[in-house]
PDB file of N, CA and C in Angstrom:
ATOM      1  N   UNK A   1     -36.747  74.658  74.682  1.00  0.00           N
ATOM      2  CA  UNK A   1     -35.847  75.756  74.737  1.00  0.00           C
ATOM      3  C   UNK A   1     -35.324  76.073  73.446  1.00  0.00           C
ATOM      4  N   UNK A   2     -35.280  77.422  73.085  1.00  0.00           N
ATOM      5  CA  UNK A   2     -34.860  77.984  71.601  1.00  0.00           C
ATOM      6  C   UNK A   2     -33.442  77.839  71.598  1.00  0.00           C
ATOM      7  N   UNK A   3     -32.973  77.346  70.241  1.00  0.00           N
ATOM      8  CA  UNK A   3     -31.634  77.420  70.094  1.00  0.00           C
ATOM      9  C   UNK A   3     -31.048  78.462  69.978  1.00  0.00           C
ATOM     10  N   UNK A   4     -29.766  78.755  70.203  1.00  0.00           N
ATOM     11  CA  UNK A   4     -28.817  80.061  70.279  1.00  0.00           C
ATOM     12  C   UNK A   4     -28.540  80.236  68.779  1.00  0.00           C
ATOM     13  N   UNK A   5     -28.580  81.624  68.429  1.00  0.00           N
ATOM     14  CA  UNK A   5     -28.356  82.196  67.060  1.00  0.00           C
ATOM     15  C   UNK A   5     -26.979  82.129  67.022  1.00  0.00           C
ATOM     16  N   UNK A   6     -26.406  81.965  65.697  1.00  0.00           N
ATOM     17  CA  UNK A   6     -25.189  81.894  65.285  1.00  0.00           C
ATOM     18  C   UNK A   6     -24.701  83.142  65.549  1.00  0.00           C
ATOM     19  N   UNK A   7     -23.415  83.606  65.986  1.00  0.00           N
ATOM     20  CA  UNK A   7     -22.750  84.849  66.410  1.00  0.00           C
ATOM     21  C   UNK A   7     -22.501  85.362  64.850  1.00  0.00           C
ATOM     22  N   UNK A   8     -22.274  86.878  65.066  1.00  0.00           N
ATOM     23  CA  UNK A   8     -21.894  87.521  63.888  1.00  0.00           C
ATOM     24  C   UNK A   8     -20.720  87.474  63.453  1.00  0.00           C
ATOM     25  N   UNK A   9     -19.653  87.204  64.427  1.00  0.00           N
ATOM     26  CA  UNK A   9     -18.350  87.100  64.105  1.00  0.00           C
ATOM     27  C   UNK A   9     -17.834  85.743  63.653  1.00  0.00           C
ATOM     28  N   UNK A  10     -17.259  85.445  62.540  1.00  0.00           N
ATOM     29  CA  UNK A  10     -17.041  84.259  62.043  1.00  0.00           C
ATOM     30  C   UNK A  10     -15.631  83.948  61.635  1.00  0.00           C
ATOM     31  N   UNK A  11     -15.200  82.858  61.717  1.00  0.00           N
ATOM     32  CA  UNK A  11     -13.769  82.728  61.201  1.00  0.00           C
ATOM     33  C   UNK A  11     -13.614  82.492  59.616  1.00  0.00           C
ATOM     34  N   UNK A  12     -13.045  82.981  58.704  1.00  0.00           N
ATOM     35  CA  UNK A  12     -12.837  82.881  57.224  1.00  0.00           C
ATOM     36  C   UNK A  12     -11.369  82.639  57.106  1.00  0.00           C
ATOM     37  N   UNK A  13     -11.283  81.845  55.859  1.00  0.00           N
ATOM     38  CA  UNK A  13      -9.967  81.502  55.424  1.00  0.00           C
ATOM     39  C   UNK A  13      -9.425  82.361  54.191  1.00  0.00           C
ATOM     40  N   UNK A  14      -8.323  82.761  53.959  1.00  0.00           N
ATOM     41  CA  UNK A  14      -7.909  83.687  53.026  1.00  0.00           C
ATOM     42  C   UNK A  14      -6.962  82.981  52.206  1.00  0.00           C
ATOM     43  N   UNK A  15      -6.889  82.947  50.923  1.00  0.00           N
ATOM     44  CA  UNK A  15      -6.096  82.127  50.340  1.00  0.00           C
ATOM     45  C   UNK A  15      -5.558  82.985  48.775  1.00  0.00           C
ATOM     46  N   UNK A  16      -4.121  82.828  48.716  1.00  0.00           N
ATOM     47  CA  UNK A  16      -3.630  83.527  47.746  1.00  0.00           C
ATOM     48  C   UNK A  16      -4.046  83.280  46.379  1.00  0.00           C
ATOM     49  N   UNK A  17      -4.521  84.377  45.456  1.00  0.00           N
ATOM     50  CA  UNK A  17      -5.100  84.028  44.040  1.00  0.00           C
ATOM     51  C   UNK A  17      -3.822  83.810  43.235  1.00  0.00           C
ATOM     52  N   UNK A  18      -2.815  84.600  43.126  1.00  0.00           N
ATOM     53  CA  UNK A  18      -1.710  84.491  42.457  1.00  0.00           C
ATOM     54  C   UNK A  18      -1.190  83.130  42.341  1.00  0.00           C
ATOM     55  N   UNK A  19      -0.930  82.500  43.559  1.00  0.00           N
ATOM     56  CA  UNK A  19      -0.211  81.260  43.661  1.00  0.00           C
ATOM     57  C   UNK A  19      -1.311  80.108  43.037  1.00  0.00           C
ATOM     58  N   UNK A  20      -2.264  80.088  43.277  1.00  0.00           N
ATOM     59  CA  UNK A  20      -3.472  79.340  42.730  1.00  0.00           C
ATOM     60  C   UNK A  20      -3.527  79.227  41.209  1.00  0.00           C
ATOM     61  N   UNK A  21      -3.476  80.492  40.670  1.00  0.00           N
ATOM     62  CA  UNK A  21      -3.355  80.668  39.019  1.00  0.00           C
ATOM     63  C   UNK A  21      -2.341  80.214  38.361  1.00  0.00           C
ATOM     64  N   UNK A  22      -0.866  80.383  39.191  1.00  0.00           N
ATOM     65  CA  UNK A  22       0.321  80.170  38.403  1.00  0.00           C
ATOM     66  C   UNK A  22       0.773  78.577  38.585  1.00  0.00           C
ATOM     67  N   UNK A  23      -0.203  77.743  39.273  1.00  0.00           N
ATOM     68  CA  UNK A  23       0.028  76.412  39.056  1.00  0.00           C
ATOM     69  C   UNK A  23       1.296  75.698  39.928  1.00  0.00           C
ATOM     70  N   UNK A  24       1.742  76.738  40.875  1.00  0.00           N
ATOM     71  CA  UNK A  24       2.910  76.375  41.757  1.00  0.00           C
ATOM     72  C   UNK A  24       2.615  75.345  42.751  1.00  0.00           C
ATOM     73  N   UNK A  25       3.377  74.407  43.220  1.00  0.00           N
ATOM     74  CA  UNK A  25       3.119  73.624  44.430  1.00  0.00           C
ATOM     75  C   UNK A  25       2.471  74.709  45.679  1.00  0.00           C
ATOM     76  N   UNK A  26       1.897  74.154  46.551  1.00  0.00           N
ATOM     77  CA  UNK A  26       1.471  74.777  47.837  1.00  0.00           C
ATOM     78  C   UNK A  26       0.720  75.939  47.903  1.00  0.00           C
ATOM     79  N   UNK A  27       0.454  76.413  48.898  1.00  0.00           N
ATOM     80  CA  UNK A  27      -0.493  77.477  48.921  1.00  0.00           C
ATOM     81  C   UNK A  27      -0.251  78.637  50.223  1.00  0.00           C
ATOM     82  N   UNK A  28      -0.640  79.773  50.092  1.00  0.00           N
ATOM     83  CA  UNK A  28      -0.520  80.621  51.126  1.00  0.00           C
ATOM     84  C   UNK A  28      -1.924  80.944  51.615  1.00  0.00           C
ATOM     85  N   UNK A  29      -2.186  80.412  52.977  1.00  0.00           N
ATOM     86  CA  UNK A  29      -3.318  80.636  53.545  1.00  0.00           C
ATOM     87  C   UNK A  29      -3.317  81.575  54.880  1.00  0.00           C
ATOM     88  N   UNK A  30      -4.151  82.610  55.278  1.00  0.00           N
ATOM     89  CA  UNK A  30      -4.379  82.953  56.464  1.00  0.00           C
ATOM     90  C   UNK A  30      -5.903  82.702  57.085  1.00  0.00           C
ATOM     91  N   UNK A  31      -5.816  82.596  58.345  1.00  0.00           N
ATOM     92  CA  UNK A  31      -7.253  82.497  59.068  1.00  0.00           C
ATOM     93  C   UNK A  31      -7.529  83.857  59.899  1.00  0.00           C
ATOM     94  N   UNK A  32      -8.625  84.348  59.491  1.00  0.00           N
ATOM     95  CA  UNK A  32      -9.056  85.584  60.535  1.00  0.00           C
ATOM     96  C   UNK A  32     -10.289  85.392  60.722  1.00  0.00           C
ATOM     97  N   UNK A  33     -10.895  86.701  61.260  1.00  0.00           N
ATOM     98  CA  UNK A  33     -12.353  86.785  61.601  1.00  0.00           C
ATOM     99  C   UNK A  33     -12.965  88.016  60.859  1.00  0.00           C
ATOM    100  N   UNK A  34     -14.321  87.992  60.592  1.00  0.00           N
ATOM    101  CA  UNK A  34     -15.060  89.013  59.935  1.00  0.00           C
ATOM    102  C   UNK A  34     -16.278  89.125  60.743  1.00  0.00           C
ATOM    103  N   UNK A  35     -16.995  90.257  60.860  1.00  0.00           N
ATOM    104  CA  UNK A  35     -18.323  90.503  61.437  1.00  0.00           C
ATOM    105  C   UNK A  35     -19.050  90.407  60.318  1.00  0.00           C
ATOM    106  N   UNK A  36     -19.971  89.450  60.360  1.00  0.00           N
ATOM    107  CA  UNK A  36     -20.772  89.115  58.783  1.00  0.00           C
ATOM    108  C   UNK A  36     -22.018  90.244  58.809  1.00  0.00           C
ATOM    109  N   UNK A  37     -22.312  91.017  59.825  1.00  0.00           N
ATOM    110  CA  UNK A  37     -23.181  91.787  59.662  1.00  0.00           C
ATOM    111  C   UNK A  37     -22.432  93.350  58.999  1.00  0.00           C
ATOM    112  N   UNK A  38     -21.412  93.562  59.418  1.00  0.00           N
ATOM    113  CA  UNK A  38     -20.496  94.770  58.613  1.00  0.00           C
ATOM    114  C   UNK A  38     -20.197  94.538  57.262  1.00  0.00           C
ATOM    115  N   UNK A  39     -19.461  93.175  56.932  1.00  0.00           N
ATOM    116  CA  UNK A  39     -19.038  93.002  55.655  1.00  0.00           C
ATOM    117  C   UNK A  39     -19.529  91.575  55.289  1.00  0.00           C
ATOM    118  N   UNK A  40     -20.802  91.591  54.610  1.00  0.00           N
ATOM    119  CA  UNK A  40     -21.630  90.333  54.282  1.00  0.00           C
ATOM    120  C   UNK A  40     -20.876  89.946  52.892  1.00  0.00           C
ATOM    121  N   UNK A  41     -20.185  90.605  52.347  1.00  0.00           N
ATOM    122  CA  UNK A  41     -19.447  90.202  50.969  1.00  0.00           C
ATOM    123  C   UNK A  41     -18.244  89.586  51.362  1.00  0.00           C
ATOM    124  N   UNK A  42     -17.725  88.597  50.378  1.00  0.00           N
ATOM    125  CA  UNK A  42     -16.161  88.092  50.843  1.00  0.00           C
ATOM    126  C   UNK A  42     -15.277  89.141  50.720  1.00  0.00           C
ATOM    127  N   UNK A  43     -14.364  88.829  51.673  1.00  0.00           N
ATOM    128  CA  UNK A  43     -13.107  89.654  52.090  1.00  0.00           C
ATOM    129  C   UNK A  43     -12.077  89.276  50.909  1.00  0.00           C
ATOM    130  N   UNK A  44     -11.334  90.424  50.283  1.00  0.00           N
ATOM    131  CA  UNK A  44      -9.981  90.468  49.530  1.00  0.00           C
ATOM    132  C   UNK A  44      -9.166  91.642  50.240  1.00  0.00           C
ATOM    133  N   UNK A  45      -8.132  90.978  50.643  1.00  0.00           N
ATOM    134  CA  UNK A  45      -7.010  91.520  51.533  1.00  0.00           C
ATOM    135  C   UNK A  45      -5.747  91.508  50.946  1.00  0.00           C
ATOM    136  N   UNK A  46      -4.620  92.319  50.711  1.00  0.00           N
ATOM    137  CA  UNK A  46      -3.427  92.212  50.454  1.00  0.00           C
ATOM    138  C   UNK A  46      -2.483  91.911  51.390  1.00  0.00           C
ATOM    139  N   UNK A  47      -2.007  90.385  51.254  1.00  0.00           N
ATOM    140  CA  UNK A  47      -1.423  89.939  52.317  1.00  0.00           C
ATOM    141  C   UNK A  47       0.180  89.464  51.959  1.00  0.00           C
ATOM    142  N   UNK A  48       0.858  88.964  52.673  1.00  0.00           N
ATOM    143  CA  UNK A  48       2.350  88.764  52.416  1.00  0.00           C
ATOM    144  C   UNK A  48       2.462  87.225  52.093  1.00  0.00           C
ATOM    145  N   UNK A  49       2.890  86.913  50.880  1.00  0.00           N
ATOM    146  CA  UNK A  49       3.028  85.540  50.573  1.00  0.00           C
ATOM    147  C   UNK A  49       4.583  85.090  50.813  1.00  0.00           C
ATOM    148  N   UNK A  50       4.807  84.233  51.809  1.00  0.00           N
ATOM    149  CA  UNK A  50       6.158  83.846  52.046  1.00  0.00           C
ATOM    150  C   UNK A  50       6.735  82.864  50.830  1.00  0.00           C
ATOM    151  N   UNK A  51       6.071  82.047  50.044  1.00  0.00           N
ATOM    152  CA  UNK A  51       6.591  81.407  49.036  1.00  0.00           C
ATOM    153  C   UNK A  51       6.984  82.409  47.991  1.00  0.00           C
ATOM    154  N   UNK A  52       6.171  83.360  47.808  1.00  0.00           N
ATOM    155  CA  UNK A  52       6.284  84.236  46.406  1.00  0.00           C
ATOM    156  C   UNK A  52       7.542  85.294  46.804  1.00  0.00           C
ATOM    157  N   UNK A  53       7.665  85.483  48.276  1.00  0.00           N
ATOM    158  CA  UNK A  53       8.278  86.647  48.972  1.00  0.00           C
ATOM    159  C   UNK A  53       7.793  87.975  48.361  1.00  0.00           C
ATOM    160  N   UNK A  54       6.540  88.272  48.346  1.00  0.00           N
ATOM    161  CA  UNK A  54       5.888  89.359  47.968  1.00  0.00           C
ATOM    162  C   UNK A  54       4.302  89.582  48.578  1.00  0.00           C
ATOM    163  N   UNK A  55       3.772  90.719  48.457  1.00  0.00           N
ATOM    164  CA  UNK A  55       2.526  90.909  49.142  1.00  0.00           C
ATOM    165  C   UNK A  55       1.596  90.734  47.687  1.00  0.00           C
ATOM    166  N   UNK A  56       0.684  89.810  48.125  1.00  0.00           N
ATOM    167  CA  UNK A  56      -0.324  89.177  47.063  1.00  0.00           C
ATOM    168  C   UNK A  56      -1.959  89.451  47.299  1.00  0.00           C
ATOM    169  N   UNK A  57      -2.643  89.583  46.376  1.00  0.00           N
ATOM    170  CA  UNK A  57      -4.002  89.500  46.777  1.00  0.00           C
ATOM    171  C   UNK A  57      -4.575  88.014  47.326  1.00  0.00           C
ATOM    172  N   UNK A  58      -5.159  87.992  48.514  1.00  0.00           N
ATOM    173  CA  UNK A  58      -5.791  86.917  49.222  1.00  0.00           C
ATOM    174  C   UNK A  58      -7.244  87.196  49.254  1.00  0.00           C
ATOM    175  N   UNK A  59      -7.999  86.043  48.836  1.00  0.00           N
ATOM    176  CA  UNK A  59      -9.644  86.179  48.669  1.00  0.00           C
ATOM    177  C   UNK A  59     -10.044  85.163  49.781  1.00  0.00           C
ATOM    178  N   UNK A  60     -11.403  85.249  50.253  1.00  0.00           N
ATOM    179  CA  UNK A  60     -12.051  84.498  51.033  1.00  0.00           C
ATOM    180  C   UNK A  60     -12.344  83.225  50.417  1.00  0.00           C
ATOM    181  N   UNK A  61     -12.236  82.194  50.841  1.00  0.00           N
ATOM    182  CA  UNK A  61     -12.762  80.924  50.259  1.00  0.00           C
ATOM    183  C   UNK A  61     -13.742  80.256  51.419  1.00  0.00           C
ATOM    184  N   UNK A  62     -14.398  79.426  50.578  1.00  0.00           N
ATOM    185  CA  UNK A  62     -15.321  78.751  51.473  1.00  0.00           C
ATOM    186  C   UNK A  62     -14.999  77.447  52.067  1.00  0.00           C
TER     187      UNK A  62
END
């Protein structure tokens, strides 16, 4: 039997870049899904960071 191909829709983790660069304790992370065919590059979204209490840039991590 042939192996089933991986789906195009995968789960990704978005991590706050501002908090990581500032050296503060803790991280702001979101889990979301993306379609690999439509967006092959890494996601970058503006999301709310509850620790900093403002909207910051969140980038996809591996």
